[in-house]
Amino acid sequence: MRSLAELFRVAPAKSFLLAVGPPALAAGQLLNSYVNGLSPAVATGFAVAMVAFAIVATSHHAAEVRLQQLEGDPESQAGVPADGSD
């Protein structure tokens, strides 16, 4: 899997939403359940699902970034102008 730092460099907004958003939502739900007396089993189940989603979604995002890099124009990646001029 690509490093998180590289994913944040390539697509910072999408990476943040996929890697940080769901765990933050899970933490908020756990805190909410504690404050309001909701069953810990429900909140824990939700938190586990959100963390699992974050892992899968971030892995999928890393695969998308890798595929885009592999399918990209090799000349533009090597620093050679795409129009052929020097």
C-alpha atoms as a PDB file:
ATOM      1  CA  MET A   1       0.000   0.000   0.000  1.00  0.00           C
ATOM      2  CA  ARG A   2       1.213   3.500  -0.787  1.00  0.00           C
ATOM      3  CA  SER A   3       2.271   5.580   2.160  1.00  0.00           C
ATOM      4  CA  LEU A   4      -0.330   7.873   3.650  1.00  0.00           C
ATOM      5  CA  ALA A   5       2.027  10.817   3.201  1.00  0.00           C
ATOM      6  CA  GLU A   6       2.146  10.179  -0.548  1.00  0.00           C
ATOM      7  CA  LEU A   7      -1.627   9.865  -0.733  1.00  0.00           C
ATOM      8  CA  PHE A   8      -2.049  13.146   1.144  1.00  0.00           C
ATOM      9  CA  ARG A   9       0.431  14.793  -1.244  1.00  0.00           C
ATOM     10  CA  VAL A  10      -1.356  13.561  -4.386  1.00  0.00           C
ATOM     11  CA  ALA A  11      -4.973  14.095  -3.280  1.00  0.00           C
ATOM     12  CA  PRO A  12      -5.146  15.808   0.122  1.00  0.00           C
ATOM     13  CA  ALA A  13      -8.905  16.394   0.352  1.00  0.00           C
ATOM     14  CA  LYS A  14      -9.947  12.900  -0.712  1.00  0.00           C
ATOM     15  CA  SER A  15      -7.267  11.304   1.450  1.00  0.00           C
ATOM     16  CA  PHE A  16      -8.379  13.311   4.476  1.00  0.00           C
ATOM     17  CA  LEU A  17     -12.037  12.396   3.963  1.00  0.00           C
ATOM     18  CA  LEU A  18     -11.264   8.697   3.583  1.00  0.00           C
ATOM     19  CA  ALA A  19      -8.523   8.222   6.182  1.00  0.00           C
ATOM     20  CA  VAL A  20      -9.467  10.704   8.920  1.00  0.00           C
ATOM     21  CA  GLY A  21     -13.201  11.270   8.496  1.00  0.00           C
ATOM     22  CA  PRO A  22     -14.606   7.845   9.411  1.00  0.00           C
ATOM     23  CA  PRO A  23     -12.387   7.323  12.501  1.00  0.00           C
ATOM     24  CA  ALA A  24     -13.289  10.838  13.690  1.00  0.00           C
ATOM     25  CA  LEU A  25     -16.962  10.019  13.181  1.00  0.00           C
ATOM     26  CA  ALA A  26     -16.473   6.774  15.119  1.00  0.00           C
ATOM     27  CA  ALA A  27     -14.806   8.613  18.007  1.00  0.00           C
ATOM     28  CA  GLY A  28     -17.615  11.152  18.040  1.00  0.00           C
ATOM     29  CA  GLN A  29     -20.228   8.404  18.144  1.00  0.00           C
ATOM     30  CA  LEU A  30     -18.441   6.644  21.006  1.00  0.00           C
ATOM     31  CA  LEU A  31     -18.325   9.915  22.941  1.00  0.00           C
ATOM     32  CA  ASN A  32     -21.973  10.598  22.122  1.00  0.00           C
ATOM     33  CA  SER A  33     -23.026   7.167  23.341  1.00  0.00           C
ATOM     34  CA  TYR A  34     -21.121   7.664  26.591  1.00  0.00           C
ATOM     35  CA  VAL A  35     -22.615  11.097  27.218  1.00  0.00           C
ATOM     36  CA  ASN A  36     -26.191  10.089  26.345  1.00  0.00           C
ATOM     37  CA  GLY A  37     -26.175   6.599  27.828  1.00  0.00           C
ATOM     38  CA  LEU A  38     -26.568   4.679  24.564  1.00  0.00           C
ATOM     39  CA  SER A  39     -25.674   1.004  24.593  1.00  0.00           C
ATOM     40  CA  PRO A  40     -21.904   0.561  24.224  1.00  0.00           C
ATOM     41  CA  ALA A  41     -22.469  -2.432  21.937  1.00  0.00           C
ATOM     42  CA  VAL A  42     -24.233  -0.271  19.340  1.00  0.00           C
ATOM     43  CA  ALA A  43     -21.606   2.462  19.444  1.00  0.00           C
ATOM     44  CA  THR A  44     -18.737  -0.025  19.379  1.00  0.00           C
ATOM     45  CA  GLY A  45     -20.237  -1.843  16.408  1.00  0.00           C
ATOM     46  CA  PHE A  46     -20.606   1.448  14.564  1.00  0.00           C
ATOM     47  CA  ALA A  47     -17.022   2.441  15.414  1.00  0.00           C
ATOM     48  CA  VAL A  48     -15.635  -0.882  14.190  1.00  0.00           C
ATOM     49  CA  ALA A  49     -17.586  -0.546  10.932  1.00  0.00           C
ATOM     50  CA  MET A  50     -16.310   3.004  10.386  1.00  0.00           C
ATOM     51  CA  VAL A  51     -12.685   2.048  11.012  1.00  0.00           C
ATOM     52  CA  ALA A  52     -13.034  -0.950   8.666  1.00  0.00           C
ATOM     53  CA  PHE A  53     -14.566   1.341   6.045  1.00  0.00           C
ATOM     54  CA  ALA A  54     -11.661   3.788   6.412  1.00  0.00           C
ATOM     55  CA  ILE A  55      -9.122   0.999   5.905  1.00  0.00           C
ATOM     56  CA  VAL A  56     -10.848  -0.408   2.817  1.00  0.00           C
ATOM     57  CA  ALA A  57     -11.575   3.001   1.287  1.00  0.00           C
ATOM     58  CA  THR A  58      -8.020   4.238   1.836  1.00  0.00           C
ATOM     59  CA  SER A  59      -6.620   1.052   0.287  1.00  0.00           C
ATOM     60  CA  HIS A  60      -8.907   1.516  -2.701  1.00  0.00           C
ATOM     61  CA  HIS A  61      -7.803   5.148  -2.999  1.00  0.00           C
ATOM     62  CA  ALA A  62      -4.147   4.029  -2.941  1.00  0.00           C
ATOM     63  CA  ALA A  63      -4.893   1.581  -5.761  1.00  0.00           C
ATOM     64  CA  GLU A  64      -6.561   4.363  -7.771  1.00  0.00           C
ATOM     65  CA  VAL A  65      -3.544   6.624  -7.345  1.00  0.00           C
ATOM     66  CA  ARG A  66      -1.180   3.823  -8.357  1.00  0.00           C
ATOM     67  CA  LEU A  67      -3.277   3.021 -11.434  1.00  0.00           C
ATOM     68  CA  GLN A  68      -3.340   6.687 -12.457  1.00  0.00           C
ATOM     69  CA  GLN A  69       0.434   6.813 -12.153  1.00  0.00           C
ATOM     70  CA  LEU A  70       0.855   3.633 -14.204  1.00  0.00           C
ATOM     71  CA  GLU A  71      -1.523   4.816 -16.929  1.00  0.00           C
ATOM     72  CA  GLY A  72      -0.051   8.318 -17.043  1.00  0.00           C
ATOM     73  CA  ASP A  73       1.996   9.651 -19.925  1.00  0.00           C
ATOM     74  CA  PRO A  74       5.560   8.318 -19.429  1.00  0.00           C
ATOM     75  CA  GLU A  75       7.114  11.324 -21.186  1.00  0.00           C
ATOM     76  CA  SER A  76       5.437  13.841 -18.865  1.00  0.00           C
ATOM     77  CA  GLN A  77       6.498  11.803 -15.842  1.00  0.00           C
ATOM     78  CA  ALA A  78      10.140  11.804 -17.017  1.00  0.00           C
ATOM     79  CA  GLY A  79      10.194  15.584 -17.376  1.00  0.00           C
ATOM     80  CA  VAL A  80      10.246  15.530 -21.190  1.00  0.00           C
ATOM     81  CA  PRO A  81       7.845  18.013 -22.826  1.00  0.00           C
ATOM     82  CA  ALA A  82       4.752  16.271 -24.209  1.00  0.00           C
ATOM     83  CA  ASP A  83       4.880  18.181 -27.534  1.00  0.00           C
ATOM     84  CA  GLY A  84       8.335  16.815 -28.343  1.00  0.00           C
ATOM     85  CA  SER A  85      10.137  20.152 -28.265  1.00  0.00           C
ATOM     86  CA  ASP A  86      13.275  20.571 -26.213  1.00  0.00           C
END
